[in-house]
Amino acid sequence: MTVRQIRFFGDPVLRTVCSPIDSIDDGVRQLVRDLMDTVQLDGRAGVAATQIGHTQRAFSYKVDDQEGYLLNPELVSVEGEPVPTGEGCLSVPGLWFDVLRYPRATVRGTDLDGNVIELTGEGTLAQAFQHECDHLDGKLYIHRLEGEDRREAMKQIRQSDWF
């Protein structure tokens, strides 16, 4: 099992818009193994490729009894009214803020065999899909914060022992 180190806020790779995966090779298969191993630790709902230093479009997820990965994921639909949802991030450890997230989300991508996979999640799984797709677009959840919440998040980051 290879658990990769998580990159923290301030690392430029986290602001990178990921490139599509054009072909499945040993490097992509290793990336998927690393993502799946890294998401297995307690308290983790998802890990995006950027969080372990890669700029290819892939993420893993593990919510309740559902786990897996997607290559070239895209958020294809969201349903319901966005609601403030408590959220944290492995790349911004120790912070927790409400972010507007849709209660239902559908993502589409492929597996290592090139098969198209479409997944729909509700609640925490929907939140994870939205959060991980944001990562692959170079966004952290704190970039969705506004006003006083944004100022407070930046203050907490500056005062953290990891920044």
N, C-alpha and C. Protein backbone atom coordinates (compact mmCIF):
# COMPACT_ATOMS: atom_id res chain seq x y z
N MET A 1 0.85 -1.18 0.00
CA MET A 1 0.00 0.00 0.00
C MET A 1 0.89 1.24 0.00
N THR A 2 0.62 2.15 -0.93
CA THR A 2 1.40 3.38 -1.04
C THR A 2 0.49 4.57 -0.77
N VAL A 3 0.62 5.13 0.43
CA VAL A 3 -0.13 6.34 0.77
C VAL A 3 0.76 7.53 0.46
N ARG A 4 0.30 8.37 -0.45
CA ARG A 4 1.08 9.53 -0.88
C ARG A 4 0.86 10.71 0.06
N GLN A 5 1.88 11.54 0.17
CA GLN A 5 1.80 12.75 0.98
C GLN A 5 0.85 13.74 0.31
N ILE A 6 0.01 14.36 1.13
CA ILE A 6 -0.95 15.36 0.64
C ILE A 6 -0.25 16.71 0.53
N ARG A 7 -0.48 17.40 -0.59
CA ARG A 7 0.04 18.74 -0.79
C ARG A 7 -0.86 19.74 -0.08
N PHE A 8 -0.25 20.78 0.48
CA PHE A 8 -0.99 21.78 1.25
C PHE A 8 -1.17 23.08 0.47
N PHE A 9 -2.17 23.85 0.90
CA PHE A 9 -2.43 25.18 0.36
C PHE A 9 -1.11 25.93 0.22
N GLY A 10 -0.94 26.57 -0.91
CA GLY A 10 0.31 27.27 -1.19
C GLY A 10 1.14 26.54 -2.22
N ASP A 11 0.96 25.22 -2.34
CA ASP A 11 1.67 24.45 -3.36
C ASP A 11 1.02 24.76 -4.71
N PRO A 12 1.80 25.23 -5.69
CA PRO A 12 1.22 25.62 -6.98
C PRO A 12 0.46 24.51 -7.71
N VAL A 13 0.77 23.26 -7.45
CA VAL A 13 0.08 22.17 -8.15
C VAL A 13 -1.42 22.19 -7.82
N LEU A 14 -1.78 22.68 -6.64
CA LEU A 14 -3.19 22.71 -6.25
C LEU A 14 -4.00 23.73 -7.04
N ARG A 15 -3.34 24.68 -7.69
CA ARG A 15 -4.04 25.69 -8.50
C ARG A 15 -4.01 25.32 -9.99
N THR A 16 -3.50 24.14 -10.31
CA THR A 16 -3.36 23.70 -11.69
C THR A 16 -4.66 23.08 -12.20
N VAL A 17 -5.07 23.51 -13.39
CA VAL A 17 -6.19 22.86 -14.06
C VAL A 17 -5.61 21.59 -14.69
N CYS A 18 -6.15 20.45 -14.31
CA CYS A 18 -5.59 19.17 -14.73
C CYS A 18 -5.84 18.86 -16.20
N SER A 19 -4.89 18.15 -16.77
CA SER A 19 -4.97 17.73 -18.17
C SER A 19 -5.74 16.41 -18.26
N PRO A 20 -6.49 16.25 -19.35
CA PRO A 20 -7.18 14.97 -19.55
C PRO A 20 -6.18 13.83 -19.72
N ILE A 21 -6.61 12.65 -19.34
CA ILE A 21 -5.82 11.44 -19.55
C ILE A 21 -6.18 10.90 -20.92
N ASP A 22 -5.21 10.91 -21.83
CA ASP A 22 -5.47 10.50 -23.21
C ASP A 22 -5.29 9.01 -23.44
N SER A 23 -4.40 8.39 -22.66
CA SER A 23 -4.19 6.96 -22.84
C SER A 23 -3.87 6.33 -21.49
N ILE A 24 -4.27 5.09 -21.35
CA ILE A 24 -4.03 4.35 -20.12
C ILE A 24 -2.70 3.63 -20.26
N ASP A 25 -1.78 3.97 -19.36
CA ASP A 25 -0.47 3.32 -19.35
C ASP A 25 -0.12 2.95 -17.91
N ASP A 26 1.07 2.45 -17.71
CA ASP A 26 1.48 2.04 -16.36
C ASP A 26 1.47 3.21 -15.39
N GLY A 27 1.80 4.39 -15.86
CA GLY A 27 1.79 5.58 -15.00
C GLY A 27 0.40 5.91 -14.50
N VAL A 28 -0.58 5.81 -15.37
CA VAL A 28 -1.98 6.07 -14.98
C VAL A 28 -2.46 4.98 -14.03
N ARG A 29 -2.12 3.73 -14.30
CA ARG A 29 -2.52 2.65 -13.40
C ARG A 29 -1.90 2.86 -12.01
N GLN A 30 -0.65 3.30 -11.96
CA GLN A 30 -0.01 3.58 -10.67
C GLN A 30 -0.68 4.77 -9.97
N LEU A 31 -1.05 5.79 -10.73
CA LEU A 31 -1.75 6.94 -10.15
C LEU A 31 -3.04 6.48 -9.48
N VAL A 32 -3.80 5.62 -10.16
CA VAL A 32 -5.06 5.12 -9.58
C VAL A 32 -4.78 4.31 -8.31
N ARG A 33 -3.77 3.46 -8.33
CA ARG A 33 -3.42 2.70 -7.11
C ARG A 33 -3.07 3.66 -5.97
N ASP A 34 -2.28 4.69 -6.27
CA ASP A 34 -1.89 5.66 -5.24
C ASP A 34 -3.10 6.42 -4.71
N LEU A 35 -4.00 6.84 -5.61
CA LEU A 35 -5.21 7.55 -5.17
C LEU A 35 -6.07 6.65 -4.29
N MET A 36 -6.23 5.40 -4.68
CA MET A 36 -7.07 4.48 -3.91
C MET A 36 -6.42 4.17 -2.55
N ASP A 37 -5.12 3.99 -2.51
CA ASP A 37 -4.44 3.74 -1.24
C ASP A 37 -4.52 4.96 -0.33
N THR A 38 -4.36 6.14 -0.90
CA THR A 38 -4.30 7.37 -0.11
C THR A 38 -5.67 7.73 0.46
N VAL A 39 -6.75 7.39 -0.22
CA VAL A 39 -8.09 7.72 0.27
C VAL A 39 -8.54 6.77 1.39
N GLN A 40 -7.82 5.66 1.59
CA GLN A 40 -8.24 4.66 2.57
C GLN A 40 -8.08 5.09 4.02
N LEU A 41 -7.24 6.06 4.29
CA LEU A 41 -7.03 6.48 5.68
C LEU A 41 -8.31 7.07 6.25
N ASP A 42 -8.51 6.89 7.55
CA ASP A 42 -9.72 7.39 8.22
C ASP A 42 -9.91 8.88 7.98
N GLY A 43 -11.18 9.26 7.84
CA GLY A 43 -11.52 10.67 7.71
C GLY A 43 -11.39 11.22 6.30
N ARG A 44 -11.15 10.37 5.33
CA ARG A 44 -10.97 10.83 3.96
C ARG A 44 -12.16 10.41 3.11
N ALA A 45 -12.75 11.38 2.41
CA ALA A 45 -13.87 11.10 1.52
C ALA A 45 -13.44 11.11 0.07
N GLY A 46 -12.32 11.74 -0.23
CA GLY A 46 -11.84 11.80 -1.60
C GLY A 46 -10.43 12.35 -1.66
N VAL A 47 -9.73 12.01 -2.72
CA VAL A 47 -8.39 12.53 -2.98
C VAL A 47 -8.29 12.79 -4.48
N ALA A 48 -7.93 14.02 -4.82
CA ALA A 48 -7.73 14.38 -6.23
C ALA A 48 -6.25 14.24 -6.58
N ALA A 49 -5.98 14.02 -7.85
CA ALA A 49 -4.61 13.84 -8.32
C ALA A 49 -3.70 15.00 -7.91
N THR A 50 -4.21 16.23 -7.97
CA THR A 50 -3.37 17.38 -7.60
C THR A 50 -2.91 17.30 -6.15
N GLN A 51 -3.73 16.72 -5.30
CA GLN A 51 -3.39 16.65 -3.89
C GLN A 51 -2.19 15.75 -3.62
N ILE A 52 -1.87 14.88 -4.58
CA ILE A 52 -0.67 14.04 -4.42
C ILE A 52 0.38 14.40 -5.48
N GLY A 53 0.23 15.59 -6.06
CA GLY A 53 1.27 16.13 -6.93
C GLY A 53 1.17 15.81 -8.40
N HIS A 54 0.03 15.28 -8.86
CA HIS A 54 -0.14 14.95 -10.28
C HIS A 54 -1.10 15.94 -10.92
N THR A 55 -0.92 16.18 -12.20
CA THR A 55 -1.79 17.13 -12.89
C THR A 55 -2.63 16.45 -13.98
N GLN A 56 -2.93 15.19 -13.74
CA GLN A 56 -3.84 14.47 -14.63
C GLN A 56 -5.21 14.41 -13.98
N ARG A 57 -6.24 14.38 -14.80
CA ARG A 57 -7.61 14.46 -14.33
C ARG A 57 -8.08 13.11 -13.78
N ALA A 58 -7.96 12.96 -12.44
CA ALA A 58 -8.39 11.72 -11.78
C ALA A 58 -8.63 11.99 -10.31
N PHE A 59 -9.57 11.26 -9.73
CA PHE A 59 -9.76 11.30 -8.28
C PHE A 59 -10.27 9.97 -7.78
N SER A 60 -10.09 9.77 -6.47
CA SER A 60 -10.67 8.61 -5.79
C SER A 60 -11.67 9.12 -4.77
N TYR A 61 -12.57 8.23 -4.36
CA TYR A 61 -13.56 8.61 -3.35
C TYR A 61 -13.84 7.41 -2.45
N LYS A 62 -14.25 7.72 -1.23
CA LYS A 62 -14.62 6.67 -0.26
C LYS A 62 -15.60 7.30 0.73
N VAL A 63 -16.86 7.03 0.52
CA VAL A 63 -17.91 7.57 1.37
C VAL A 63 -18.82 6.42 1.76
N ASP A 64 -18.91 6.19 3.07
CA ASP A 64 -19.70 5.08 3.59
C ASP A 64 -19.25 3.78 2.93
N ASP A 65 -20.16 3.08 2.24
CA ASP A 65 -19.78 1.80 1.64
C ASP A 65 -19.47 1.92 0.14
N GLN A 66 -19.34 3.16 -0.33
CA GLN A 66 -19.04 3.38 -1.74
C GLN A 66 -17.62 3.90 -1.91
N GLU A 67 -16.86 3.26 -2.76
CA GLU A 67 -15.51 3.74 -3.04
C GLU A 67 -15.14 3.40 -4.46
N GLY A 68 -14.23 4.19 -5.00
CA GLY A 68 -13.79 3.97 -6.36
C GLY A 68 -12.95 5.13 -6.85
N TYR A 69 -12.85 5.24 -8.15
CA TYR A 69 -12.06 6.28 -8.79
C TYR A 69 -12.72 6.64 -10.11
N LEU A 70 -12.35 7.78 -10.63
CA LEU A 70 -12.77 8.17 -11.97
C LEU A 70 -11.60 8.83 -12.68
N LEU A 71 -11.45 8.50 -13.94
CA LEU A 71 -10.50 9.18 -14.81
C LEU A 71 -11.29 10.16 -15.67
N ASN A 72 -10.72 11.31 -15.89
CA ASN A 72 -11.37 12.38 -16.68
C ASN A 72 -12.78 12.68 -16.19
N PRO A 73 -12.96 12.81 -14.87
CA PRO A 73 -14.30 13.07 -14.37
C PRO A 73 -14.78 14.47 -14.75
N GLU A 74 -16.06 14.54 -14.97
CA GLU A 74 -16.71 15.83 -15.17
C GLU A 74 -18.02 15.82 -14.40
N LEU A 75 -18.33 16.95 -13.83
CA LEU A 75 -19.60 17.12 -13.13
C LEU A 75 -20.64 17.38 -14.20
N VAL A 76 -21.56 16.43 -14.40
CA VAL A 76 -22.51 16.57 -15.51
C VAL A 76 -23.86 17.15 -15.08
N SER A 77 -24.20 17.00 -13.80
CA SER A 77 -25.44 17.63 -13.34
C SER A 77 -25.43 17.74 -11.82
N VAL A 78 -26.15 18.74 -11.36
CA VAL A 78 -26.40 18.92 -9.94
C VAL A 78 -27.90 19.16 -9.79
N GLU A 79 -28.43 18.76 -8.64
CA GLU A 79 -29.87 18.90 -8.42
C GLU A 79 -30.12 19.47 -7.04
N GLY A 80 -31.26 20.14 -6.93
CA GLY A 80 -31.67 20.74 -5.67
C GLY A 80 -31.10 22.15 -5.54
N GLU A 81 -31.45 22.77 -4.46
CA GLU A 81 -30.93 24.10 -4.16
C GLU A 81 -29.63 23.96 -3.39
N PRO A 82 -28.61 24.74 -3.73
CA PRO A 82 -27.37 24.66 -2.96
C PRO A 82 -27.62 25.05 -1.50
N VAL A 83 -27.01 24.29 -0.61
CA VAL A 83 -27.17 24.55 0.82
C VAL A 83 -25.80 24.68 1.48
N PRO A 84 -25.71 25.51 2.53
CA PRO A 84 -24.44 25.60 3.25
C PRO A 84 -24.11 24.24 3.86
N THR A 85 -22.94 23.74 3.54
CA THR A 85 -22.53 22.41 3.96
C THR A 85 -21.15 22.49 4.59
N GLY A 86 -21.01 22.00 5.82
CA GLY A 86 -19.72 22.00 6.48
C GLY A 86 -18.71 21.21 5.68
N GLU A 87 -17.55 21.82 5.46
CA GLU A 87 -16.56 21.17 4.61
C GLU A 87 -15.15 21.46 5.11
N GLY A 88 -14.30 20.48 4.94
CA GLY A 88 -12.88 20.61 5.21
C GLY A 88 -12.12 20.07 4.01
N CYS A 89 -10.80 20.07 4.11
CA CYS A 89 -9.99 19.60 2.99
C CYS A 89 -8.64 19.14 3.52
N LEU A 90 -8.16 18.02 3.01
CA LEU A 90 -6.85 17.51 3.41
C LEU A 90 -5.74 18.49 3.07
N SER A 91 -5.94 19.31 2.06
CA SER A 91 -4.92 20.27 1.64
C SER A 91 -4.98 21.58 2.42
N VAL A 92 -5.97 21.71 3.29
CA VAL A 92 -6.09 22.87 4.17
C VAL A 92 -6.45 22.32 5.55
N PRO A 93 -5.53 21.58 6.17
CA PRO A 93 -5.87 20.85 7.40
C PRO A 93 -6.26 21.76 8.55
N GLY A 94 -7.25 21.29 9.30
CA GLY A 94 -7.66 21.99 10.51
C GLY A 94 -8.74 23.04 10.29
N LEU A 95 -9.08 23.36 9.07
CA LEU A 95 -10.11 24.36 8.80
C LEU A 95 -11.42 23.66 8.46
N TRP A 96 -12.52 24.31 8.82
CA TRP A 96 -13.85 23.78 8.55
C TRP A 96 -14.78 24.97 8.36
N PHE A 97 -15.38 25.08 7.19
CA PHE A 97 -16.29 26.18 6.88
C PHE A 97 -17.47 25.66 6.08
N ASP A 98 -18.57 26.41 6.13
CA ASP A 98 -19.72 26.09 5.30
C ASP A 98 -19.48 26.58 3.88
N VAL A 99 -19.75 25.71 2.91
CA VAL A 99 -19.64 26.03 1.49
C VAL A 99 -20.97 25.64 0.85
N LEU A 100 -21.41 26.42 -0.12
CA LEU A 100 -22.64 26.07 -0.81
C LEU A 100 -22.38 24.87 -1.72
N ARG A 101 -23.11 23.80 -1.47
CA ARG A 101 -23.01 22.58 -2.29
C ARG A 101 -24.42 22.09 -2.62
N TYR A 102 -24.55 21.49 -3.79
CA TYR A 102 -25.82 20.91 -4.18
C TYR A 102 -26.00 19.57 -3.48
N PRO A 103 -27.23 19.23 -3.10
CA PRO A 103 -27.46 17.98 -2.36
C PRO A 103 -27.35 16.71 -3.21
N ARG A 104 -27.38 16.86 -4.53
CA ARG A 104 -27.29 15.70 -5.43
C ARG A 104 -26.39 16.08 -6.60
N ALA A 105 -25.46 15.20 -6.94
CA ALA A 105 -24.53 15.48 -8.04
C ALA A 105 -24.25 14.22 -8.84
N THR A 106 -24.08 14.39 -10.14
CA THR A 106 -23.73 13.29 -11.03
C THR A 106 -22.42 13.62 -11.73
N VAL A 107 -21.51 12.66 -11.70
CA VAL A 107 -20.23 12.78 -12.40
C VAL A 107 -20.12 11.67 -13.44
N ARG A 108 -19.36 11.97 -14.49
CA ARG A 108 -19.12 10.97 -15.53
C ARG A 108 -17.63 10.96 -15.83
N GLY A 109 -17.09 9.76 -15.99
CA GLY A 109 -15.69 9.60 -16.34
C GLY A 109 -15.49 8.21 -16.89
N THR A 110 -14.26 7.73 -16.82
CA THR A 110 -13.97 6.38 -17.31
C THR A 110 -13.17 5.61 -16.27
N ASP A 111 -13.12 4.30 -16.47
CA ASP A 111 -12.28 3.46 -15.63
C ASP A 111 -11.00 3.12 -16.40
N LEU A 112 -10.17 2.29 -15.83
CA LEU A 112 -8.89 1.94 -16.45
C LEU A 112 -9.04 1.15 -17.75
N ASP A 113 -10.22 0.58 -17.97
CA ASP A 113 -10.48 -0.15 -19.20
C ASP A 113 -11.13 0.72 -20.28
N GLY A 114 -11.33 2.00 -19.96
CA GLY A 114 -11.94 2.92 -20.92
C GLY A 114 -13.45 2.91 -20.91
N ASN A 115 -14.06 2.15 -19.98
CA ASN A 115 -15.51 2.11 -19.88
C ASN A 115 -16.03 3.41 -19.27
N VAL A 116 -17.11 3.94 -19.83
CA VAL A 116 -17.73 5.15 -19.28
C VAL A 116 -18.50 4.78 -18.02
N ILE A 117 -18.28 5.58 -16.99
CA ILE A 117 -18.95 5.37 -15.70
C ILE A 117 -19.67 6.65 -15.34
N GLU A 118 -20.93 6.52 -14.95
CA GLU A 118 -21.69 7.67 -14.47
C GLU A 118 -22.16 7.35 -13.06
N LEU A 119 -21.87 8.24 -12.13
CA LEU A 119 -22.21 8.03 -10.73
C LEU A 119 -23.03 9.20 -10.22
N THR A 120 -24.06 8.87 -9.47
CA THR A 120 -24.87 9.91 -8.83
C THR A 120 -24.79 9.72 -7.34
N GLY A 121 -24.54 10.81 -6.64
CA GLY A 121 -24.46 10.75 -5.19
C GLY A 121 -25.34 11.78 -4.54
N GLU A 122 -25.73 11.49 -3.32
CA GLU A 122 -26.49 12.44 -2.51
C GLU A 122 -25.73 12.71 -1.23
N GLY A 123 -25.98 13.85 -0.62
CA GLY A 123 -25.36 14.17 0.66
C GLY A 123 -23.85 14.24 0.56
N THR A 124 -23.17 13.48 1.43
CA THR A 124 -21.72 13.53 1.51
C THR A 124 -21.05 13.08 0.22
N LEU A 125 -21.62 12.10 -0.45
CA LEU A 125 -21.04 11.63 -1.71
C LEU A 125 -21.16 12.72 -2.78
N ALA A 126 -22.30 13.39 -2.85
CA ALA A 126 -22.47 14.50 -3.80
C ALA A 126 -21.47 15.61 -3.49
N GLN A 127 -21.29 15.89 -2.22
CA GLN A 127 -20.33 16.90 -1.80
C GLN A 127 -18.91 16.51 -2.22
N ALA A 128 -18.55 15.25 -2.03
CA ALA A 128 -17.22 14.77 -2.41
C ALA A 128 -17.00 14.91 -3.92
N PHE A 129 -18.00 14.54 -4.72
CA PHE A 129 -17.86 14.67 -6.17
C PHE A 129 -17.61 16.12 -6.57
N GLN A 130 -18.37 17.04 -5.98
CA GLN A 130 -18.21 18.46 -6.30
C GLN A 130 -16.84 18.96 -5.84
N HIS A 131 -16.43 18.58 -4.64
CA HIS A 131 -15.16 19.00 -4.05
C HIS A 131 -13.99 18.51 -4.91
N GLU A 132 -14.00 17.23 -5.29
CA GLU A 132 -12.89 16.67 -6.05
C GLU A 132 -12.83 17.24 -7.47
N CYS A 133 -13.98 17.47 -8.10
CA CYS A 133 -13.97 18.10 -9.42
C CYS A 133 -13.41 19.52 -9.33
N ASP A 134 -13.73 20.23 -8.25
CA ASP A 134 -13.13 21.56 -8.04
C ASP A 134 -11.61 21.45 -8.01
N HIS A 135 -11.08 20.48 -7.27
CA HIS A 135 -9.62 20.29 -7.21
C HIS A 135 -9.03 20.15 -8.60
N LEU A 136 -9.67 19.37 -9.45
CA LEU A 136 -9.13 19.11 -10.78
C LEU A 136 -9.22 20.34 -11.68
N ASP A 137 -10.03 21.31 -11.26
CA ASP A 137 -10.12 22.59 -11.97
C ASP A 137 -9.26 23.67 -11.31
N GLY A 138 -8.41 23.25 -10.36
CA GLY A 138 -7.49 24.18 -9.72
C GLY A 138 -8.10 25.01 -8.61
N LYS A 139 -9.21 24.55 -8.03
CA LYS A 139 -9.89 25.30 -6.97
C LYS A 139 -9.91 24.50 -5.67
N LEU A 140 -9.69 25.20 -4.58
CA LEU A 140 -9.89 24.62 -3.25
C LEU A 140 -11.20 25.16 -2.70
N TYR A 141 -11.77 24.46 -1.75
CA TYR A 141 -13.07 24.90 -1.23
C TYR A 141 -13.00 26.28 -0.61
N ILE A 142 -11.85 26.66 -0.09
CA ILE A 142 -11.74 28.00 0.52
C ILE A 142 -11.86 29.10 -0.53
N HIS A 143 -11.63 28.78 -1.81
CA HIS A 143 -11.80 29.77 -2.87
C HIS A 143 -13.28 30.06 -3.11
N ARG A 144 -14.16 29.23 -2.59
CA ARG A 144 -15.60 29.46 -2.70
C ARG A 144 -16.13 30.34 -1.56
N LEU A 145 -15.29 30.56 -0.55
CA LEU A 145 -15.72 31.37 0.59
C LEU A 145 -15.73 32.85 0.22
N GLU A 146 -16.58 33.60 0.91
CA GLU A 146 -16.68 35.03 0.66
C GLU A 146 -16.63 35.80 1.98
N GLY A 147 -16.35 37.07 1.87
CA GLY A 147 -16.44 37.99 3.00
C GLY A 147 -15.66 37.56 4.22
N GLU A 148 -16.35 37.61 5.35
CA GLU A 148 -15.71 37.32 6.64
C GLU A 148 -15.20 35.89 6.72
N ASP A 149 -15.93 34.93 6.13
CA ASP A 149 -15.46 33.54 6.13
C ASP A 149 -14.13 33.42 5.39
N ARG A 150 -14.01 34.11 4.27
CA ARG A 150 -12.75 34.05 3.49
C ARG A 150 -11.61 34.67 4.29
N ARG A 151 -11.87 35.82 4.92
CA ARG A 151 -10.83 36.47 5.74
C ARG A 151 -10.42 35.58 6.91
N GLU A 152 -11.40 34.95 7.55
CA GLU A 152 -11.11 34.08 8.69
C GLU A 152 -10.31 32.86 8.25
N ALA A 153 -10.66 32.28 7.11
CA ALA A 153 -9.91 31.12 6.60
C ALA A 153 -8.46 31.51 6.33
N MET A 154 -8.23 32.63 5.70
CA MET A 154 -6.87 33.06 5.40
C MET A 154 -6.09 33.36 6.69
N LYS A 155 -6.76 33.90 7.67
CA LYS A 155 -6.11 34.16 8.96
C LYS A 155 -5.69 32.84 9.61
N GLN A 156 -6.60 31.86 9.61
CA GLN A 156 -6.29 30.56 10.20
C GLN A 156 -5.15 29.87 9.45
N ILE A 157 -5.12 30.02 8.14
CA ILE A 157 -4.03 29.42 7.35
C ILE A 157 -2.71 30.05 7.74
N ARG A 158 -2.66 31.38 7.79
CA ARG A 158 -1.41 32.08 8.15
C ARG A 158 -0.93 31.69 9.54
N GLN A 159 -1.86 31.37 10.45
CA GLN A 159 -1.49 31.03 11.82
C GLN A 159 -1.22 29.54 12.01
N SER A 160 -1.46 28.75 10.97
CA SER A 160 -1.29 27.30 11.12
C SER A 160 0.18 26.92 11.19
N ASP A 161 0.44 25.75 11.73
CA ASP A 161 1.83 25.28 11.82
C ASP A 161 2.30 24.59 10.53
N TRP A 162 1.39 24.35 9.59
CA TRP A 162 1.76 23.67 8.34
C TRP A 162 2.01 24.64 7.20
N PHE A 163 1.60 25.91 7.35
CA PHE A 163 1.73 26.86 6.24
C PHE A 163 3.10 27.50 6.22
